[in-house]
């Protein structure tokens, strides 16, 4: 469903992606983990055809209107209501108001539908941004750190929505810097560091490889281990 082959990207003299290869099967949740500045958002922008790669190829087996996209910059219209925000995007996809209403019910925002967006909490804004990305029931959904800076309860609610989308057959590609989130959500993950994918596999497999205590390591500790191994010639 989603594929990148030997993709590199420069912005001026800075190499942001370095020979990236990845593949995501249909109906799976794929997590791309890495620290800030590692190139995660650049990969999403290339796959979503927002920017071109300098080298390599990428493909998404879906038509443009079958793709949903939720970036860190939510782009919501803050002075108009929740309902009007979503109805506007529903019309872009040729959908009627019913689609917007059903989606707001699904993300738990129907009771807030008449509020201007500027009066919503951060968690509600995240849910509205997600509803905009899924109102047209996309085959492929790209999510850039969908639970960043949310409290645990709100994050769990977003997780439930994402898992529900997978159950309906949506292929989900998300970025995160939270290993616990990856374990909770993802079928497969890849670790991105300084523009290179340095590890991939199931979340459980990666955790077991880098934590002998059988617990979920934080992402920083995994990257420290990888850096130490590289310095010692192990990888």
C-alpha atoms as a PDB file:
ATOM      1  CA  UNK A   1       0.000   0.000   0.000  1.00  0.00           C
ATOM      2  CA  UNK A   2       2.818   2.435   0.929  1.00  0.00           C
ATOM      3  CA  UNK A   3       6.376   2.133  -0.336  1.00  0.00           C
ATOM      4  CA  UNK A   4       9.591   4.146  -0.349  1.00  0.00           C
ATOM      5  CA  UNK A   5      12.700   3.027  -2.201  1.00  0.00           C
ATOM      6  CA  UNK A   6      16.113   4.657  -1.750  1.00  0.00           C
ATOM      7  CA  UNK A   7      14.639   8.054  -0.960  1.00  0.00           C
ATOM      8  CA  UNK A   8      16.947  10.939  -0.090  1.00  0.00           C
ATOM      9  CA  UNK A   9      16.022  14.569   0.464  1.00  0.00           C
ATOM     10  CA  UNK A  10      18.074  17.723   0.873  1.00  0.00           C
ATOM     11  CA  UNK A  11      17.018  21.192   1.887  1.00  0.00           C
ATOM     12  CA  UNK A  12      19.875  23.295   0.593  1.00  0.00           C
ATOM     13  CA  UNK A  13      23.094  21.764   1.905  1.00  0.00           C
ATOM     14  CA  UNK A  14      21.358  19.805   4.658  1.00  0.00           C
ATOM     15  CA  UNK A  15      20.726  16.095   4.035  1.00  0.00           C
ATOM     16  CA  UNK A  16      17.397  15.423   5.767  1.00  0.00           C
ATOM     17  CA  UNK A  17      16.680  11.882   4.488  1.00  0.00           C
ATOM     18  CA  UNK A  18      19.416   9.429   3.574  1.00  0.00           C
ATOM     19  CA  UNK A  19      18.471   6.401   1.428  1.00  0.00           C
ATOM     20  CA  UNK A  20      15.180   5.591   3.179  1.00  0.00           C
ATOM     21  CA  UNK A  21      13.416   2.318   2.379  1.00  0.00           C
ATOM     22  CA  UNK A  22      10.111   1.227   3.893  1.00  0.00           C
ATOM     23  CA  UNK A  23       6.973  -0.702   3.012  1.00  0.00           C
ATOM     24  CA  UNK A  24       3.549  -0.761   4.703  1.00  0.00           C
ATOM     25  CA  UNK A  25       1.014  -3.523   3.866  1.00  0.00           C
ATOM     26  CA  UNK A  26      -2.698  -2.843   3.420  1.00  0.00           C
ATOM     27  CA  UNK A  27      -4.745  -2.487   6.597  1.00  0.00           C
ATOM     28  CA  UNK A  28      -1.826  -2.136   9.019  1.00  0.00           C
ATOM     29  CA  UNK A  29      -0.774   0.593  11.430  1.00  0.00           C
ATOM     30  CA  UNK A  30       2.845   1.580  10.793  1.00  0.00           C
ATOM     31  CA  UNK A  31       4.729   3.757  13.238  1.00  0.00           C
ATOM     32  CA  UNK A  32       7.742   5.888  12.359  1.00  0.00           C
ATOM     33  CA  UNK A  33       9.624   6.828  15.526  1.00  0.00           C
ATOM     34  CA  UNK A  34      12.397   9.327  15.964  1.00  0.00           C
ATOM     35  CA  UNK A  35      13.476  12.433  17.851  1.00  0.00           C
ATOM     36  CA  UNK A  36      12.540  15.918  16.683  1.00  0.00           C
ATOM     37  CA  UNK A  37      14.408  16.829  13.519  1.00  0.00           C
ATOM     38  CA  UNK A  38      15.024  13.245  12.443  1.00  0.00           C
ATOM     39  CA  UNK A  39      13.001  13.618   9.234  1.00  0.00           C
ATOM     40  CA  UNK A  40       9.644  12.068  10.171  1.00  0.00           C
ATOM     41  CA  UNK A  41       7.467  14.900   8.871  1.00  0.00           C
ATOM     42  CA  UNK A  42       9.535  15.108   5.685  1.00  0.00           C
ATOM     43  CA  UNK A  43       8.732  11.451   4.951  1.00  0.00           C
ATOM     44  CA  UNK A  44       5.008  12.071   5.394  1.00  0.00           C
ATOM     45  CA  UNK A  45       5.180  15.150   3.158  1.00  0.00           C
ATOM     46  CA  UNK A  46       6.917  13.160   0.419  1.00  0.00           C
ATOM     47  CA  UNK A  47       4.452  10.263   0.632  1.00  0.00           C
ATOM     48  CA  UNK A  48       1.517  12.681   0.600  1.00  0.00           C
ATOM     49  CA  UNK A  49       3.031  14.450  -2.425  1.00  0.00           C
ATOM     50  CA  UNK A  50       3.396  17.734  -0.585  1.00  0.00           C
ATOM     51  CA  UNK A  51       7.089  17.898  -1.556  1.00  0.00           C
ATOM     52  CA  UNK A  52       9.263  15.882  -3.986  1.00  0.00           C
ATOM     53  CA  UNK A  53      12.164  13.626  -3.076  1.00  0.00           C
ATOM     54  CA  UNK A  54      15.593  14.485  -4.475  1.00  0.00           C
ATOM     55  CA  UNK A  55      16.466  10.823  -5.102  1.00  0.00           C
ATOM     56  CA  UNK A  56      14.429   7.602  -5.078  1.00  0.00           C
ATOM     57  CA  UNK A  57      10.784   6.700  -5.558  1.00  0.00           C
ATOM     58  CA  UNK A  58       7.703   6.562  -3.351  1.00  0.00           C
ATOM     59  CA  UNK A  59       4.172   5.351  -3.953  1.00  0.00           C
ATOM     60  CA  UNK A  60       0.819   5.149  -2.189  1.00  0.00           C
ATOM     61  CA  UNK A  61      -1.769   2.809  -3.665  1.00  0.00           C
ATOM     62  CA  UNK A  62      -4.654   5.218  -3.320  1.00  0.00           C
ATOM     63  CA  UNK A  63      -6.110   8.068  -5.326  1.00  0.00           C
ATOM     64  CA  UNK A  64      -5.619  11.573  -3.918  1.00  0.00           C
ATOM     65  CA  UNK A  65      -9.196  11.747  -2.578  1.00  0.00           C
ATOM     66  CA  UNK A  66      -8.696   8.375  -0.842  1.00  0.00           C
ATOM     67  CA  UNK A  67      -5.909   9.770   1.363  1.00  0.00           C
ATOM     68  CA  UNK A  68      -6.373  11.497   4.729  1.00  0.00           C
ATOM     69  CA  UNK A  69      -3.723  13.775   6.205  1.00  0.00           C
ATOM     70  CA  UNK A  70      -3.327  15.173   9.721  1.00  0.00           C
ATOM     71  CA  UNK A  71      -0.216  17.279  10.236  1.00  0.00           C
ATOM     72  CA  UNK A  72       1.165  18.982  13.330  1.00  0.00           C
ATOM     73  CA  UNK A  73      -0.194  22.304  12.038  1.00  0.00           C
ATOM     74  CA  UNK A  74      -3.913  21.518  12.233  1.00  0.00           C
ATOM     75  CA  UNK A  75      -4.995  24.367   9.922  1.00  0.00           C
ATOM     76  CA  UNK A  76      -8.396  24.679  11.612  1.00  0.00           C
ATOM     77  CA  UNK A  77     -10.478  27.821  11.174  1.00  0.00           C
ATOM     78  CA  UNK A  78     -10.626  29.047  14.752  1.00  0.00           C
ATOM     79  CA  UNK A  79     -13.354  31.683  14.450  1.00  0.00           C
ATOM     80  CA  UNK A  80     -16.027  29.430  12.989  1.00  0.00           C
ATOM     81  CA  UNK A  81     -17.814  26.525  14.626  1.00  0.00           C
ATOM     82  CA  UNK A  82     -16.736  22.911  14.853  1.00  0.00           C
ATOM     83  CA  UNK A  83     -19.651  21.941  12.627  1.00  0.00           C
ATOM     84  CA  UNK A  84     -18.860  24.510   9.929  1.00  0.00           C
ATOM     85  CA  UNK A  85     -15.179  23.531   9.919  1.00  0.00           C
ATOM     86  CA  UNK A  86     -16.010  19.930   9.134  1.00  0.00           C
ATOM     87  CA  UNK A  87     -18.854  20.687   6.737  1.00  0.00           C
ATOM     88  CA  UNK A  88     -16.477  22.829   4.705  1.00  0.00           C
ATOM     89  CA  UNK A  89     -14.098  19.904   4.204  1.00  0.00           C
ATOM     90  CA  UNK A  90     -16.961  17.488   3.604  1.00  0.00           C
ATOM     91  CA  UNK A  91     -18.111  19.673   0.700  1.00  0.00           C
ATOM     92  CA  UNK A  92     -14.615  19.597  -0.782  1.00  0.00           C
ATOM     93  CA  UNK A  93     -15.004  15.814  -1.041  1.00  0.00           C
ATOM     94  CA  UNK A  94     -18.506  16.118  -2.479  1.00  0.00           C
ATOM     95  CA  UNK A  95     -20.149  14.919   0.738  1.00  0.00           C
ATOM     96  CA  UNK A  96     -23.274  16.284   2.409  1.00  0.00           C
ATOM     97  CA  UNK A  97     -23.754  17.457   5.994  1.00  0.00           C
ATOM     98  CA  UNK A  98     -24.663  13.951   7.118  1.00  0.00           C
ATOM     99  CA  UNK A  99     -21.060  12.811   6.667  1.00  0.00           C
ATOM    100  CA  UNK A 100     -19.818  15.649   8.876  1.00  0.00           C
ATOM    101  CA  UNK A 101     -22.423  14.897  11.537  1.00  0.00           C
ATOM    102  CA  UNK A 102     -21.611  11.183  11.608  1.00  0.00           C
ATOM    103  CA  UNK A 103     -17.897  11.884  11.890  1.00  0.00           C
ATOM    104  CA  UNK A 104     -18.371  14.348  14.744  1.00  0.00           C
ATOM    105  CA  UNK A 105     -20.411  11.735  16.594  1.00  0.00           C
ATOM    106  CA  UNK A 106     -17.669   9.184  15.981  1.00  0.00           C
ATOM    107  CA  UNK A 107     -14.953  11.376  17.516  1.00  0.00           C
ATOM    108  CA  UNK A 108     -17.141  12.538  20.396  1.00  0.00           C
ATOM    109  CA  UNK A 109     -17.525  16.153  19.298  1.00  0.00           C
ATOM    110  CA  UNK A 110     -21.181  16.285  18.312  1.00  0.00           C
ATOM    111  CA  UNK A 111     -22.186  18.037  21.541  1.00  0.00           C
ATOM    112  CA  UNK A 112     -19.545  20.698  20.839  1.00  0.00           C
ATOM    113  CA  UNK A 113     -20.606  21.233  17.213  1.00  0.00           C
ATOM    114  CA  UNK A 114     -21.781  24.828  17.653  1.00  0.00           C
ATOM    115  CA  UNK A 115     -18.700  26.037  19.548  1.00  0.00           C
ATOM    116  CA  UNK A 116     -16.125  28.168  17.749  1.00  0.00           C
ATOM    117  CA  UNK A 117     -12.883  26.238  17.454  1.00  0.00           C
ATOM    118  CA  UNK A 118     -10.948  28.816  19.499  1.00  0.00           C
ATOM    119  CA  UNK A 119     -12.968  27.768  22.570  1.00  0.00           C
ATOM    120  CA  UNK A 120     -12.015  24.100  22.299  1.00  0.00           C
ATOM    121  CA  UNK A 121      -9.406  22.394  24.449  1.00  0.00           C
ATOM    122  CA  UNK A 122      -6.250  21.122  22.776  1.00  0.00           C
ATOM    123  CA  UNK A 123      -7.551  17.574  22.901  1.00  0.00           C
ATOM    124  CA  UNK A 124     -10.806  18.565  21.219  1.00  0.00           C
ATOM    125  CA  UNK A 125      -8.885  20.383  18.510  1.00  0.00           C
ATOM    126  CA  UNK A 126      -6.851  17.225  17.907  1.00  0.00           C
ATOM    127  CA  UNK A 127     -10.055  15.226  17.545  1.00  0.00           C
ATOM    128  CA  UNK A 128     -11.477  17.802  15.147  1.00  0.00           C
ATOM    129  CA  UNK A 129      -8.290  17.707  13.059  1.00  0.00           C
ATOM    130  CA  UNK A 130      -8.572  13.913  12.987  1.00  0.00           C
ATOM    131  CA  UNK A 131     -12.243  14.092  11.995  1.00  0.00           C
ATOM    132  CA  UNK A 132     -11.302  16.347   9.080  1.00  0.00           C
ATOM    133  CA  UNK A 133      -8.750  13.768   7.944  1.00  0.00           C
ATOM    134  CA  UNK A 134     -11.248  10.882   8.079  1.00  0.00           C
ATOM    135  CA  UNK A 135     -14.571  12.483   7.079  1.00  0.00           C
ATOM    136  CA  UNK A 136     -14.256  10.994   3.571  1.00  0.00           C
ATOM    137  CA  UNK A 137     -13.339   7.513   4.904  1.00  0.00           C
ATOM    138  CA  UNK A 138      -9.859   7.365   3.366  1.00  0.00           C
ATOM    139  CA  UNK A 139      -8.063   4.181   2.400  1.00  0.00           C
ATOM    140  CA  UNK A 140      -4.783   5.610   3.688  1.00  0.00           C
ATOM    141  CA  UNK A 141      -4.359   7.932   6.659  1.00  0.00           C
ATOM    142  CA  UNK A 142      -1.185   9.868   7.537  1.00  0.00           C
ATOM    143  CA  UNK A 143      -0.949  11.145  11.108  1.00  0.00           C
ATOM    144  CA  UNK A 144       1.950  13.326  12.261  1.00  0.00           C
ATOM    145  CA  UNK A 145       2.300  12.918  16.050  1.00  0.00           C
ATOM    146  CA  UNK A 146      -1.486  12.790  16.595  1.00  0.00           C
ATOM    147  CA  UNK A 147      -1.279  12.750  20.406  1.00  0.00           C
ATOM    148  CA  UNK A 148       1.593  15.190  20.949  1.00  0.00           C
ATOM    149  CA  UNK A 149       1.183  17.231  24.161  1.00  0.00           C
ATOM    150  CA  UNK A 150      -2.139  15.583  25.075  1.00  0.00           C
ATOM    151  CA  UNK A 151      -3.012  14.283  28.522  1.00  0.00           C
ATOM    152  CA  UNK A 152      -3.098  10.468  28.895  1.00  0.00           C
ATOM    153  CA  UNK A 153      -6.897  10.172  28.894  1.00  0.00           C
ATOM    154  CA  UNK A 154      -7.283  12.228  25.730  1.00  0.00           C
ATOM    155  CA  UNK A 155      -4.450  10.312  24.072  1.00  0.00           C
ATOM    156  CA  UNK A 156      -6.174   7.008  24.855  1.00  0.00           C
ATOM    157  CA  UNK A 157      -9.323   8.327  23.204  1.00  0.00           C
ATOM    158  CA  UNK A 158      -7.363   9.171  20.043  1.00  0.00           C
ATOM    159  CA  UNK A 159      -5.772   5.702  20.166  1.00  0.00           C
ATOM    160  CA  UNK A 160      -9.211   4.104  20.246  1.00  0.00           C
ATOM    161  CA  UNK A 161     -10.270   6.060  17.170  1.00  0.00           C
ATOM    162  CA  UNK A 162      -7.125   5.030  15.268  1.00  0.00           C
ATOM    163  CA  UNK A 163      -7.563   1.363  16.162  1.00  0.00           C
ATOM    164  CA  UNK A 164     -11.182   1.565  15.029  1.00  0.00           C
ATOM    165  CA  UNK A 165     -10.048   2.894  11.649  1.00  0.00           C
ATOM    166  CA  UNK A 166      -7.718  -0.077  11.224  1.00  0.00           C
ATOM    167  CA  UNK A 167     -10.607  -2.426  12.003  1.00  0.00           C
ATOM    168  CA  UNK A 168     -12.494  -0.837   9.102  1.00  0.00           C
ATOM    169  CA  UNK A 169      -9.568  -1.501   6.772  1.00  0.00           C
ATOM    170  CA  UNK A 170      -7.762   1.853   6.769  1.00  0.00           C
ATOM    171  CA  UNK A 171      -3.984   1.742   6.378  1.00  0.00           C
ATOM    172  CA  UNK A 172      -2.484   4.122   8.955  1.00  0.00           C
ATOM    173  CA  UNK A 173       0.989   5.677   8.818  1.00  0.00           C
ATOM    174  CA  UNK A 174       1.813   7.665  11.935  1.00  0.00           C
ATOM    175  CA  UNK A 175       4.820   9.375  13.418  1.00  0.00           C
ATOM    176  CA  UNK A 176       5.554   9.497  17.125  1.00  0.00           C
ATOM    177  CA  UNK A 177       8.423   9.844  19.575  1.00  0.00           C
ATOM    178  CA  UNK A 178       6.644   7.702  22.169  1.00  0.00           C
ATOM    179  CA  UNK A 179       7.576   4.014  22.311  1.00  0.00           C
ATOM    180  CA  UNK A 180       4.617   3.199  24.561  1.00  0.00           C
ATOM    181  CA  UNK A 181       2.275   4.664  21.965  1.00  0.00           C
ATOM    182  CA  UNK A 182       3.914   2.570  19.262  1.00  0.00           C
ATOM    183  CA  UNK A 183       3.427  -0.602  21.305  1.00  0.00           C
ATOM    184  CA  UNK A 184      -0.225   0.265  21.945  1.00  0.00           C
ATOM    185  CA  UNK A 185      -1.053   1.033  18.313  1.00  0.00           C
ATOM    186  CA  UNK A 186       1.354  -0.280  15.728  1.00  0.00           C
ATOM    187  CA  UNK A 187       1.719  -3.561  13.888  1.00  0.00           C
ATOM    188  CA  UNK A 188       5.195  -2.575  12.685  1.00  0.00           C
ATOM    189  CA  UNK A 189       7.597   0.273  13.424  1.00  0.00           C
ATOM    190  CA  UNK A 190      10.781   1.799  12.072  1.00  0.00           C
ATOM    191  CA  UNK A 191      13.267   3.966  13.961  1.00  0.00           C
ATOM    192  CA  UNK A 192      14.526   7.046  12.126  1.00  0.00           C
ATOM    193  CA  UNK A 193      17.713   8.786  13.256  1.00  0.00           C
ATOM    194  CA  UNK A 194      19.415  11.651  11.416  1.00  0.00           C
ATOM    195  CA  UNK A 195      17.489  10.816   8.255  1.00  0.00           C
ATOM    196  CA  UNK A 196      18.281   7.084   8.215  1.00  0.00           C
ATOM    197  CA  UNK A 197      16.136   4.113   9.226  1.00  0.00           C
ATOM    198  CA  UNK A 198      18.337   2.271  11.688  1.00  0.00           C
ATOM    199  CA  UNK A 199      15.942  -0.386  12.994  1.00  0.00           C
ATOM    200  CA  UNK A 200      12.575  -1.902  12.075  1.00  0.00           C
ATOM    201  CA  UNK A 201      10.258  -4.713  13.093  1.00  0.00           C
ATOM    202  CA  UNK A 202       7.344  -5.289  15.427  1.00  0.00           C
ATOM    203  CA  UNK A 203       7.186  -2.989  18.463  1.00  0.00           C
ATOM    204  CA  UNK A 204       7.552  -5.981  20.768  1.00  0.00           C
ATOM    205  CA  UNK A 205      10.575  -7.287  18.872  1.00  0.00           C
ATOM    206  CA  UNK A 206      12.364  -3.943  18.931  1.00  0.00           C
ATOM    207  CA  UNK A 207      11.628  -3.479  22.639  1.00  0.00           C
ATOM    208  CA  UNK A 208      12.940  -6.932  23.522  1.00  0.00           C
ATOM    209  CA  UNK A 209      16.078  -6.351  21.480  1.00  0.00           C
ATOM    210  CA  UNK A 210      17.001  -3.172  23.331  1.00  0.00           C
ATOM    211  CA  UNK A 211      15.671  -3.854  26.826  1.00  0.00           C
ATOM    212  CA  UNK A 212      16.693  -6.944  28.737  1.00  0.00           C
ATOM    213  CA  UNK A 213      14.233  -6.164  31.554  1.00  0.00           C
ATOM    214  CA  UNK A 214      11.196  -7.108  29.403  1.00  0.00           C
ATOM    215  CA  UNK A 215       9.675  -3.682  29.837  1.00  0.00           C
ATOM    216  CA  UNK A 216       8.995  -0.991  27.269  1.00  0.00           C
ATOM    217  CA  UNK A 217      12.085   1.236  26.939  1.00  0.00           C
ATOM    218  CA  UNK A 218      11.790   4.937  26.243  1.00  0.00           C
ATOM    219  CA  UNK A 219      12.832   5.936  22.749  1.00  0.00           C
ATOM    220  CA  UNK A 220      15.830   7.949  23.958  1.00  0.00           C
ATOM    221  CA  UNK A 221      17.366   4.917  25.642  1.00  0.00           C
ATOM    222  CA  UNK A 222      16.986   2.875  22.447  1.00  0.00           C
ATOM    223  CA  UNK A 223      18.804   5.513  20.425  1.00  0.00           C
ATOM    224  CA  UNK A 224      21.548   5.723  23.061  1.00  0.00           C
ATOM    225  CA  UNK A 225      22.062   1.965  22.754  1.00  0.00           C
ATOM    226  CA  UNK A 226      22.153   2.175  18.966  1.00  0.00           C
ATOM    227  CA  UNK A 227      24.643   5.051  19.056  1.00  0.00           C
ATOM    228  CA  UNK A 228      26.884   3.166  21.467  1.00  0.00           C
ATOM    229  CA  UNK A 229      26.763   0.053  19.282  1.00  0.00           C
ATOM    230  CA  UNK A 230      27.596   2.058  16.178  1.00  0.00           C
ATOM    231  CA  UNK A 231      30.540   3.669  17.922  1.00  0.00           C
ATOM    232  CA  UNK A 232      31.788   0.242  18.915  1.00  0.00           C
ATOM    233  CA  UNK A 233      31.369  -1.160  15.421  1.00  0.00           C
ATOM    234  CA  UNK A 234      28.466  -3.445  16.330  1.00  0.00           C
ATOM    235  CA  UNK A 235      26.192  -1.915  13.702  1.00  0.00           C
END
